[in-house]
C-alpha atoms as a PDB file:
ATOM      1  CA  MET A   1      31.661 -52.949 -64.888  1.00  0.00           C
ATOM      2  CA  THR A   2      29.680 -55.365 -62.696  1.00  0.00           C
ATOM      3  CA  PRO A   3      26.271 -54.160 -61.001  1.00  0.00           C
ATOM      4  CA  SER A   4      27.869 -54.177 -57.698  1.00  0.00           C
ATOM      5  CA  GLN A   5      30.414 -51.578 -58.758  1.00  0.00           C
ATOM      6  CA  THR A   6      29.712 -47.966 -58.491  1.00  0.00           C
ATOM      7  CA  ALA A   7      30.891 -45.358 -61.157  1.00  0.00           C
ATOM      8  CA  THR A   8      31.527 -41.801 -60.203  1.00  0.00           C
ATOM      9  CA  THR A   9      31.690 -39.254 -62.810  1.00  0.00           C
ATOM     10  CA  ARG A  10      33.362 -35.825 -62.112  1.00  0.00           C
ATOM     11  CA  MET A  11      32.389 -33.052 -64.382  1.00  0.00           C
ATOM     12  CA  LYS A  12      35.102 -30.417 -65.070  1.00  0.00           C
ATOM     13  CA  PRO A  13      33.787 -27.042 -65.481  1.00  0.00           C
ATOM     14  CA  SER A  14      34.527 -25.812 -69.145  1.00  0.00           C
ATOM     15  CA  ASN A  15      35.439 -22.289 -67.786  1.00  0.00           C
ATOM     16  CA  PRO A  16      36.769 -22.564 -64.214  1.00  0.00           C
ATOM     17  CA  MET A  17      36.839 -19.479 -62.012  1.00  0.00           C
ATOM     18  CA  PRO A  18      40.390 -18.149 -61.731  1.00  0.00           C
ATOM     19  CA  ARG A  19      41.593 -17.620 -58.215  1.00  0.00           C
ATOM     20  CA  GLY A  20      42.275 -14.317 -56.885  1.00  0.00           C
ATOM     21  CA  ARG A  21      39.529 -12.755 -59.087  1.00  0.00           C
ATOM     22  CA  PRO A  22      38.769  -9.184 -57.834  1.00  0.00           C
ATOM     23  CA  ARG A  23      35.322  -8.658 -56.492  1.00  0.00           C
ATOM     24  CA  VAL A  24      32.888  -6.542 -58.533  1.00  0.00           C
ATOM     25  CA  ARG A  25      32.784  -2.974 -57.689  1.00  0.00           C
ATOM     26  CA  PRO A  26      29.846  -0.578 -57.854  1.00  0.00           C
ATOM     27  CA  ALA A  27      29.424   0.911 -61.191  1.00  0.00           C
ATOM     28  CA  GLY A  28      31.340   4.184 -61.653  1.00  0.00           C
ATOM     29  CA  LEU A  29      34.361   3.018 -59.553  1.00  0.00           C
ATOM     30  CA  THR A  30      36.420   1.125 -62.303  1.00  0.00           C
ATOM     31  CA  ASP A  31      38.098   4.552 -63.487  1.00  0.00           C
ATOM     32  CA  LEU A  32      39.169   5.395 -59.751  1.00  0.00           C
ATOM     33  CA  PHE A  33      41.429   2.387 -59.847  1.00  0.00           C
ATOM     34  CA  ASP A  34      43.012   2.546 -63.198  1.00  0.00           C
ATOM     35  CA  ALA A  35      46.924   2.603 -63.269  1.00  0.00           C
ATOM     36  CA  THR A  36      47.259   6.140 -64.648  1.00  0.00           C
ATOM     37  CA  ARG A  37      45.591   7.558 -61.498  1.00  0.00           C
ATOM     38  CA  ALA A  38      47.632   5.482 -59.327  1.00  0.00           C
ATOM     39  CA  ALA A  39      50.787   6.704 -60.860  1.00  0.00           C
ATOM     40  CA  GLU A  40      49.684  10.426 -60.736  1.00  0.00           C
ATOM     41  CA  LEU A  41      49.114  10.000 -56.980  1.00  0.00           C
ATOM     42  CA  ARG A  42      52.564   8.747 -56.363  1.00  0.00           C
ATOM     43  CA  ALA A  43      54.222  11.140 -58.626  1.00  0.00           C
ATOM     44  CA  PRO A  44      57.355  13.151 -57.080  1.00  0.00           C
ATOM     45  CA  GLY A  45      56.617  16.525 -55.494  1.00  0.00           C
ATOM     46  CA  GLY A  46      54.784  17.908 -52.670  1.00  0.00           C
ATOM     47  CA  ASP A  47      55.593  17.417 -48.980  1.00  0.00           C
ATOM     48  CA  GLY A  48      55.177  13.717 -48.463  1.00  0.00           C
ATOM     49  CA  GLU A  49      52.194  12.045 -47.088  1.00  0.00           C
ATOM     50  CA  SER A  50      50.086  15.146 -46.647  1.00  0.00           C
ATOM     51  CA  SER A  51      50.491  16.017 -50.238  1.00  0.00           C
ATOM     52  CA  ILE A  52      49.519  12.562 -51.190  1.00  0.00           C
ATOM     53  CA  SER A  53      46.297  12.489 -49.073  1.00  0.00           C
ATOM     54  CA  MET A  54      45.425  15.860 -50.778  1.00  0.00           C
ATOM     55  CA  ARG A  55      46.004  14.184 -54.241  1.00  0.00           C
ATOM     56  CA  LEU A  56      43.905  11.286 -53.185  1.00  0.00           C
ATOM     57  CA  ALA A  57      41.010  13.557 -51.934  1.00  0.00           C
ATOM     58  CA  ARG A  58      41.263  15.429 -55.251  1.00  0.00           C
ATOM     59  CA  LEU A  59      40.866  12.251 -57.369  1.00  0.00           C
ATOM     60  CA  LEU A  60      37.899  11.025 -55.157  1.00  0.00           C
ATOM     61  CA  ARG A  61      36.420  14.623 -55.533  1.00  0.00           C
ATOM     62  CA  GLU A  62      36.708  14.649 -59.166  1.00  0.00           C
ATOM     63  CA  ALA A  63      35.000  11.263 -59.407  1.00  0.00           C
ATOM     64  CA  ILE A  64      32.006  12.693 -57.456  1.00  0.00           C
ATOM     65  CA  VAL A  65      31.866  15.931 -59.502  1.00  0.00           C
ATOM     66  CA  GLU A  66      32.040  14.115 -62.746  1.00  0.00           C
ATOM     67  CA  GLY A  67      29.338  11.725 -61.685  1.00  0.00           C
ATOM     68  CA  ARG A  68      31.673   8.537 -61.751  1.00  0.00           C
ATOM     69  CA  LEU A  69      30.603   8.253 -57.982  1.00  0.00           C
ATOM     70  CA  LYS A  70      26.959   8.853 -57.856  1.00  0.00           C
ATOM     71  CA  THR A  71      24.897  10.277 -54.790  1.00  0.00           C
ATOM     72  CA  GLY A  72      24.230   7.503 -52.311  1.00  0.00           C
ATOM     73  CA  GLU A  73      27.142   5.299 -53.628  1.00  0.00           C
ATOM     74  CA  SER A  74      29.609   3.776 -51.136  1.00  0.00           C
ATOM     75  CA  LEU A  75      33.217   4.467 -51.291  1.00  0.00           C
ATOM     76  CA  PRO A  76      35.691   1.444 -51.331  1.00  0.00           C
ATOM     77  CA  PRO A  77      36.885   0.598 -47.874  1.00  0.00           C
ATOM     78  CA  GLU A  78      40.066   2.247 -46.619  1.00  0.00           C
ATOM     79  CA  ARG A  79      41.949  -1.026 -46.855  1.00  0.00           C
ATOM     80  CA  GLU A  80      41.236  -1.387 -50.542  1.00  0.00           C
ATOM     81  CA  LEU A  81      42.002   2.256 -51.293  1.00  0.00           C
ATOM     82  CA  ALA A  82      45.377   1.760 -49.342  1.00  0.00           C
ATOM     83  CA  GLU A  83      46.393  -1.219 -51.084  1.00  0.00           C
ATOM     84  CA  HIS A  84      45.634  -0.064 -54.709  1.00  0.00           C
ATOM     85  CA  PHE A  85      47.238   3.310 -54.233  1.00  0.00           C
ATOM     86  CA  GLN A  86      50.116   1.909 -52.099  1.00  0.00           C
ATOM     87  CA  VAL A  87      49.698   4.424 -49.376  1.00  0.00           C
ATOM     88  CA  SER A  88      49.099   4.014 -45.546  1.00  0.00           C
ATOM     89  CA  ARG A  89      45.564   3.641 -44.198  1.00  0.00           C
ATOM     90  CA  ASP A  90      46.295   6.930 -42.253  1.00  0.00           C
ATOM     91  CA  THR A  91      46.694   8.781 -45.577  1.00  0.00           C
ATOM     92  CA  VAL A  92      43.444   7.368 -46.945  1.00  0.00           C
ATOM     93  CA  ARG A  93      41.743   8.376 -43.583  1.00  0.00           C
ATOM     94  CA  ARG A  94      43.041  12.009 -44.054  1.00  0.00           C
ATOM     95  CA  ALA A  95      41.703  12.182 -47.675  1.00  0.00           C
ATOM     96  CA  ILE A  96      38.368  10.886 -46.661  1.00  0.00           C
ATOM     97  CA  ASP A  97      38.291  13.272 -43.662  1.00  0.00           C
ATOM     98  CA  ARG A  98      39.005  16.170 -45.903  1.00  0.00           C
ATOM     99  CA  LEU A  99      36.008  15.292 -48.199  1.00  0.00           C
ATOM    100  CA  THR A 100      33.714  14.850 -45.251  1.00  0.00           C
ATOM    101  CA  ARG A 101      34.675  18.329 -44.009  1.00  0.00           C
ATOM    102  CA  GLN A 102      33.847  19.683 -47.538  1.00  0.00           C
ATOM    103  CA  GLY A 103      30.376  17.936 -47.229  1.00  0.00           C
ATOM    104  CA  LEU A 104      30.980  15.647 -50.270  1.00  0.00           C
ATOM    105  CA  ILE A 105      30.781  12.473 -48.385  1.00  0.00           C
ATOM    106  CA  GLU A 106      29.121  11.309 -45.130  1.00  0.00           C
ATOM    107  CA  SER A 107      29.791   8.322 -42.765  1.00  0.00           C
ATOM    108  CA  ARG A 108      27.009   6.159 -41.604  1.00  0.00           C
ATOM    109  CA  ARG A 109      27.686   4.133 -38.400  1.00  0.00           C
ATOM    110  CA  GLY A 110      27.963   0.520 -39.255  1.00  0.00           C
ATOM    111  CA  ALA A 111      27.517   0.902 -43.051  1.00  0.00           C
ATOM    112  CA  GLY A 112      30.500   2.763 -44.391  1.00  0.00           C
ATOM    113  CA  THR A 113      31.114   6.015 -46.253  1.00  0.00           C
ATOM    114  CA  PHE A 114      28.822   7.311 -49.051  1.00  0.00           C
ATOM    115  CA  VAL A 115      28.523  10.207 -51.492  1.00  0.00           C
ATOM    116  CA  ALA A 116      26.376  12.882 -49.845  1.00  0.00           C
ATOM    117  CA  ALA A 117      23.207  14.234 -51.697  1.00  0.00           C
ATOM    118  CA  ARG A 118      23.403  17.407 -53.585  1.00  0.00           C
ATOM    119  CA  VAL A 119      21.082  20.358 -52.823  1.00  0.00           C
ATOM    120  CA  GLU A 120      18.473  21.356 -55.191  1.00  0.00           C
ATOM    121  CA  GLN A 121      16.773  24.635 -55.604  1.00  0.00           C
ATOM    122  CA  GLN A 122      13.609  25.346 -57.783  1.00  0.00           C
ATOM    123  CA  LEU A 123      13.866  28.292 -60.127  1.00  0.00           C
ATOM    124  CA  ALA A 124      10.084  29.114 -60.144  1.00  0.00           C
ATOM    125  CA  ARG A 125       9.867  30.332 -56.549  1.00  0.00           C
ATOM    126  CA  ILE A 126      11.499  33.105 -54.606  1.00  0.00           C
ATOM    127  CA  THR A 127      13.019  31.262 -51.709  1.00  0.00           C
ATOM    128  CA  SER A 128      15.764  32.083 -49.199  1.00  0.00           C
ATOM    129  CA  PHE A 129      18.856  29.959 -48.536  1.00  0.00           C
ATOM    130  CA  SER A 130      17.690  29.160 -44.968  1.00  0.00           C
ATOM    131  CA  ASP A 131      14.430  27.975 -46.246  1.00  0.00           C
ATOM    132  CA  ASP A 132      15.898  25.825 -48.820  1.00  0.00           C
ATOM    133  CA  MET A 133      18.103  24.091 -46.204  1.00  0.00           C
ATOM    134  CA  LEU A 134      15.351  23.750 -43.463  1.00  0.00           C
ATOM    135  CA  ARG A 135      13.238  21.995 -46.025  1.00  0.00           C
ATOM    136  CA  ARG A 136      15.946  19.410 -46.607  1.00  0.00           C
ATOM    137  CA  GLY A 137      16.387  18.775 -42.784  1.00  0.00           C
ATOM    138  CA  LEU A 138      19.777  20.725 -42.753  1.00  0.00           C
ATOM    139  CA  THR A 139      20.696  23.422 -40.343  1.00  0.00           C
ATOM    140  CA  PRO A 140      21.365  26.826 -42.096  1.00  0.00           C
ATOM    141  CA  GLY A 141      24.218  28.977 -40.655  1.00  0.00           C
ATOM    142  CA  SER A 142      26.078  32.054 -41.597  1.00  0.00           C
ATOM    143  CA  GLN A 143      29.836  33.225 -41.244  1.00  0.00           C
ATOM    144  CA  TRP A 144      29.704  36.877 -41.364  1.00  0.00           C
ATOM    145  CA  ILE A 145      32.558  38.556 -43.391  1.00  0.00           C
ATOM    146  CA  ARG A 146      31.344  42.215 -43.255  1.00  0.00           C
ATOM    147  CA  ARG A 147      28.437  44.434 -42.997  1.00  0.00           C
ATOM    148  CA  THR A 148      29.025  48.032 -43.929  1.00  0.00           C
ATOM    149  CA  LEU A 149      26.951  51.402 -45.014  1.00  0.00           C
ATOM    150  CA  ASP A 150      28.468  52.653 -48.262  1.00  0.00           C
ATOM    151  CA  ARG A 151      28.044  54.618 -51.413  1.00  0.00           C
ATOM    152  CA  PRO A 152      26.591  52.651 -54.192  1.00  0.00           C
ATOM    153  CA  THR A 153      28.527  51.817 -57.337  1.00  0.00           C
ATOM    154  CA  PRO A 154      27.232  52.913 -60.752  1.00  0.00           C
ATOM    155  CA  ASP A 155      25.764  49.401 -61.510  1.00  0.00           C
ATOM    156  CA  GLU A 156      24.066  49.261 -57.968  1.00  0.00           C
ATOM    157  CA  LEU A 157      22.571  52.867 -58.609  1.00  0.00           C
ATOM    158  CA  LEU A 158      20.833  51.589 -61.829  1.00  0.00           C
ATOM    159  CA  ALA A 159      19.941  48.183 -60.501  1.00  0.00           C
ATOM    160  CA  LEU A 160      18.369  49.525 -57.383  1.00  0.00           C
ATOM    161  CA  GLY A 161      16.977  52.823 -58.820  1.00  0.00           C
ATOM    162  CA  LEU A 162      18.774  55.014 -56.303  1.00  0.00           C
ATOM    163  CA  ALA A 163      19.438  58.607 -56.157  1.00  0.00           C
ATOM    164  CA  PRO A 164      23.189  59.645 -56.554  1.00  0.00           C
ATOM    165  CA  ASP A 165      23.343  60.623 -52.778  1.00  0.00           C
ATOM    166  CA  ALA A 166      21.706  57.546 -51.502  1.00  0.00           C
ATOM    167  CA  GLN A 167      23.436  54.844 -49.411  1.00  0.00           C
ATOM    168  CA  VAL A 168      23.455  51.127 -49.498  1.00  0.00           C
ATOM    169  CA  LEU A 169      23.821  48.569 -46.813  1.00  0.00           C
ATOM    170  CA  ARG A 170      26.483  45.790 -47.962  1.00  0.00           C
ATOM    171  CA  LEU A 171      26.255  42.386 -46.598  1.00  0.00           C
ATOM    172  CA  GLU A 172      28.859  39.668 -47.193  1.00  0.00           C
ATOM    173  CA  ARG A 173      28.782  36.217 -45.540  1.00  0.00           C
ATOM    174  CA  VAL A 174      29.384  32.507 -46.040  1.00  0.00           C
ATOM    175  CA  ARG A 175      26.308  30.462 -45.966  1.00  0.00           C
ATOM    176  CA  THR A 176      26.572  26.984 -44.437  1.00  0.00           C
ATOM    177  CA  ALA A 177      24.347  23.828 -44.074  1.00  0.00           C
ATOM    178  CA  ASP A 178      25.247  21.585 -41.094  1.00  0.00           C
ATOM    179  CA  ALA A 179      28.368  23.711 -40.764  1.00  0.00           C
ATOM    180  CA  VAL A 180      29.447  22.889 -44.162  1.00  0.00           C
ATOM    181  CA  PRO A 181      30.200  25.964 -46.431  1.00  0.00           C
ATOM    182  CA  MET A 182      27.764  26.050 -49.324  1.00  0.00           C
ATOM    183  CA  ALA A 183      27.802  29.501 -50.906  1.00  0.00           C
ATOM    184  CA  ILE A 184      29.155  33.218 -50.571  1.00  0.00           C
ATOM    185  CA  GLU A 185      26.458  35.748 -50.418  1.00  0.00           C
ATOM    186  CA  ARG A 186      27.009  39.291 -51.163  1.00  0.00           C
ATOM    187  CA  ALA A 187      24.035  41.397 -50.980  1.00  0.00           C
ATOM    188  CA  THR A 188      23.347  45.051 -51.478  1.00  0.00           C
ATOM    189  CA  LEU A 189      20.242  46.897 -50.195  1.00  0.00           C
ATOM    190  CA  PRO A 190      18.809  50.363 -50.020  1.00  0.00           C
ATOM    191  CA  ALA A 191      19.886  51.732 -46.774  1.00  0.00           C
ATOM    192  CA  ALA A 192      16.561  53.429 -46.351  1.00  0.00           C
ATOM    193  CA  LEU A 193      14.804  49.779 -46.182  1.00  0.00           C
ATOM    194  CA  LEU A 194      16.506  48.629 -42.950  1.00  0.00           C
ATOM    195  CA  ASP A 195      18.206  49.805 -39.887  1.00  0.00           C
ATOM    196  CA  TYR A 196      22.032  49.299 -39.975  1.00  0.00           C
ATOM    197  CA  ASN A 197      21.967  47.381 -36.650  1.00  0.00           C
ATOM    198  CA  VAL A 198      18.923  45.044 -37.684  1.00  0.00           C
ATOM    199  CA  ASP A 199      19.405  41.541 -36.612  1.00  0.00           C
ATOM    200  CA  PHE A 200      19.477  39.545 -39.704  1.00  0.00           C
ATOM    201  CA  GLY A 201      19.556  36.228 -37.905  1.00  0.00           C
ATOM    202  CA  GLU A 202      19.969  33.407 -40.597  1.00  0.00           C
ATOM    203  CA  SER A 203      17.536  34.852 -43.258  1.00  0.00           C
ATOM    204  CA  LEU A 204      17.680  38.254 -45.042  1.00  0.00           C
ATOM    205  CA  TYR A 205      14.161  37.801 -46.491  1.00  0.00           C
ATOM    206  CA  ARG A 206      12.801  37.108 -42.859  1.00  0.00           C
ATOM    207  CA  ALA A 207      14.502  40.469 -41.902  1.00  0.00           C
ATOM    208  CA  LEU A 208      12.763  42.250 -44.800  1.00  0.00           C
ATOM    209  CA  GLN A 209       9.382  40.607 -43.868  1.00  0.00           C
ATOM    210  CA  ASP A 210       9.962  41.773 -40.307  1.00  0.00           C
ATOM    211  CA  ALA A 211      10.352  45.344 -41.584  1.00  0.00           C
ATOM    212  CA  ASN A 212       7.098  44.847 -43.611  1.00  0.00           C
ATOM    213  CA  VAL A 213       8.948  44.636 -46.845  1.00  0.00           C
ATOM    214  CA  GLN A 214       7.928  41.616 -49.013  1.00  0.00           C
ATOM    215  CA  PRO A 215       9.646  40.459 -52.123  1.00  0.00           C
ATOM    216  CA  GLY A 216       7.057  39.973 -54.777  1.00  0.00           C
ATOM    217  CA  ARG A 217       9.147  39.050 -57.772  1.00  0.00           C
ATOM    218  CA  ALA A 218      12.823  38.379 -58.727  1.00  0.00           C
ATOM    219  CA  ILE A 219      14.987  38.311 -61.692  1.00  0.00           C
ATOM    220  CA  GLN A 220      17.976  35.869 -61.685  1.00  0.00           C
ATOM    221  CA  ARG A 221      20.913  35.303 -63.928  1.00  0.00           C
ATOM    222  CA  LEU A 222      23.123  32.164 -63.711  1.00  0.00           C
ATOM    223  CA  ARG A 223      26.297  31.403 -65.141  1.00  0.00           C
ATOM    224  CA  ALA A 224      29.451  29.151 -64.534  1.00  0.00           C
ATOM    225  CA  GLU A 225      32.587  30.596 -63.204  1.00  0.00           C
ATOM    226  CA  LEU A 226      35.847  29.289 -61.728  1.00  0.00           C
ATOM    227  CA  ALA A 227      36.681  30.118 -57.987  1.00  0.00           C
ATOM    228  CA  SER A 228      39.196  32.768 -57.274  1.00  0.00           C
ATOM    229  CA  ALA A 229      41.727  31.976 -54.606  1.00  0.00           C
ATOM    230  CA  ARG A 230      39.821  33.964 -51.924  1.00  0.00           C
ATOM    231  CA  ASP A 231      36.428  32.457 -52.613  1.00  0.00           C
ATOM    232  CA  ALA A 232      37.885  29.079 -52.807  1.00  0.00           C
ATOM    233  CA  GLU A 233      39.372  29.367 -49.328  1.00  0.00           C
ATOM    234  CA  LEU A 234      35.937  30.659 -48.007  1.00  0.00           C
ATOM    235  CA  LEU A 235      34.081  27.659 -49.524  1.00  0.00           C
ATOM    236  CA  GLY A 236      36.670  25.046 -48.855  1.00  0.00           C
ATOM    237  CA  ILE A 237      37.317  24.182 -52.365  1.00  0.00           C
ATOM    238  CA  GLY A 238      40.239  24.523 -54.682  1.00  0.00           C
ATOM    239  CA  THR A 239      41.173  27.567 -56.688  1.00  0.00           C
ATOM    240  CA  GLY A 240      39.707  27.195 -60.122  1.00  0.00           C
ATOM    241  CA  ASP A 241      37.011  24.744 -59.071  1.00  0.00           C
ATOM    242  CA  PRO A 242      33.718  25.352 -60.805  1.00  0.00           C
ATOM    243  CA  VAL A 243      31.227  27.504 -58.995  1.00  0.00           C
ATOM    244  CA  LEU A 244      27.594  28.569 -59.913  1.00  0.00           C
ATOM    245  CA  SER A 245      27.318  32.461 -60.075  1.00  0.00           C
ATOM    246  CA  ILE A 246      23.786  33.832 -59.374  1.00  0.00           C
ATOM    247  CA  GLU A 247      22.768  37.407 -59.579  1.00  0.00           C
ATOM    248  CA  ARG A 248      19.313  38.106 -58.076  1.00  0.00           C
ATOM    249  CA  ARG A 249      17.459  41.419 -58.182  1.00  0.00           C
ATOM    250  CA  SER A 250      14.290  41.187 -56.128  1.00  0.00           C
ATOM    251  CA  PHE A 251      11.405  43.689 -56.151  1.00  0.00           C
ATOM    252  CA  SER A 252       8.381  44.663 -53.916  1.00  0.00           C
ATOM    253  CA  SER A 253       4.908  43.758 -55.100  1.00  0.00           C
ATOM    254  CA  GLU A 254       4.608  47.368 -56.125  1.00  0.00           C
ATOM    255  CA  GLY A 255       7.780  47.104 -58.265  1.00  0.00           C
ATOM    256  CA  SER A 256      10.323  48.822 -56.002  1.00  0.00           C
ATOM    257  CA  PRO A 257      13.838  47.372 -56.183  1.00  0.00           C
ATOM    258  CA  LEU A 258      14.611  45.790 -52.730  1.00  0.00           C
ATOM    259  CA  GLU A 259      17.958  44.022 -53.298  1.00  0.00           C
ATOM    260  CA  LEU A 260      20.941  43.041 -55.687  1.00  0.00           C
ATOM    261  CA  THR A 261      22.577  39.956 -54.482  1.00  0.00           C
ATOM    262  CA  ARG A 262      25.423  38.203 -56.231  1.00  0.00           C
ATOM    263  CA  SER A 263      26.052  34.623 -54.764  1.00  0.00           C
ATOM    264  CA  LEU A 264      28.615  31.855 -55.482  1.00  0.00           C
ATOM    265  CA  TYR A 265      27.438  28.309 -54.997  1.00  0.00           C
ATOM    266  CA  ARG A 266      29.668  25.337 -54.910  1.00  0.00           C
ATOM    267  CA  GLY A 267      29.321  23.476 -58.195  1.00  0.00           C
ATOM    268  CA  ASP A 268      29.868  20.229 -56.513  1.00  0.00           C
ATOM    269  CA  ARG A 269      27.042  20.333 -54.069  1.00  0.00           C
ATOM    270  CA  TYR A 270      24.201  22.668 -55.640  1.00  0.00           C
ATOM    271  CA  ASP A 271      21.835  22.188 -58.456  1.00  0.00           C
ATOM    272  CA  TYR A 272      19.229  24.621 -59.729  1.00  0.00           C
ATOM    273  CA  VAL A 273      16.095  22.899 -61.235  1.00  0.00           C
ATOM    274  CA  ALA A 274      13.702  24.578 -63.738  1.00  0.00           C
ATOM    275  CA  VAL A 275      10.315  22.895 -64.563  1.00  0.00           C
ATOM    276  CA  LEU A 276       9.404  23.603 -68.200  1.00  0.00           C
ATOM    277  CA  GLU A 277       5.752  23.185 -69.297  1.00  0.00           C
ATOM    278  CA  GLN A 278       4.183  23.232 -72.747  1.00  0.00           C
ATOM    279  CA  PRO A 279       1.780  26.165 -73.158  1.00  0.00           C
ATOM    280  CA  ALA A 280      -1.855  25.131 -73.625  1.00  0.00           C
ATOM    281  CA  GLY A 281      -2.554  24.654 -77.214  1.00  0.00           C
ATOM    282  CA  GLY A 282       1.051  25.232 -78.147  1.00  0.00           C
ATOM    283  CA  ALA A 283       3.115  23.158 -80.542  1.00  0.00           C
ATOM    284  CA  THR A 284       6.828  22.463 -80.231  1.00  0.00           C
ATOM    285  CA  THR A 285       8.978  22.633 -83.485  1.00  0.00           C
ATOM    286  CA  ALA A 286      12.453  21.216 -83.994  1.00  0.00           C
END
């Protein structure tokens, strides 16, 4: 090689990037796109496209409930879902619309579709559903199912400390946040506390306060249950889906029973949070 000649050396990469390599997806989405779930979606049965859209909605919902799709994480674009599951984009759109109506996901203009935040309630304070929602910037609402004057059951007689000939006011309603069903509330109160025709508005506790009755303390019991067909329909979830059952007995500052409320909260939208503290000078043992 003479000085006037120029040598050009081309280095080949030792590990070239293969063509058609799929783009990296956000953590937690991989399991949504495996072959098994795609096969389940396309399994025979149902009534065509509407059934497939419901199955797709269920698969996405399971990923959200199980934490594989986390709060604030974006869903894949409609096109990618349609291509992977070999369905039409209209089918994908119907599945996403279904989850949006259930409050599990939310659309942000120009940004995409994201997993909606769950609602948290502290266990250390007596709060109403309406107050919890307002603190989070959500609009509380109610869909009334019934309001009746009735005789108490034996359990209610004991829980509310009533005489055998007393009457109770029964209230049943679906509680909503931004028009999305969140809970079913079934409350029983001594009829002597409030007039039957009282305007409850959106808050039972506010109605009690207006009647100069102030809850001073409450006892709550929490347990996991599976939604019955009726409750599932009211909450907009599937029969057998997990719900959080909460029984609350509240008392006045003088110790008089005020209410016995049994509520069912959607397990996919509601968290209860307890703050635990070490007693002063205490020691923890294993």
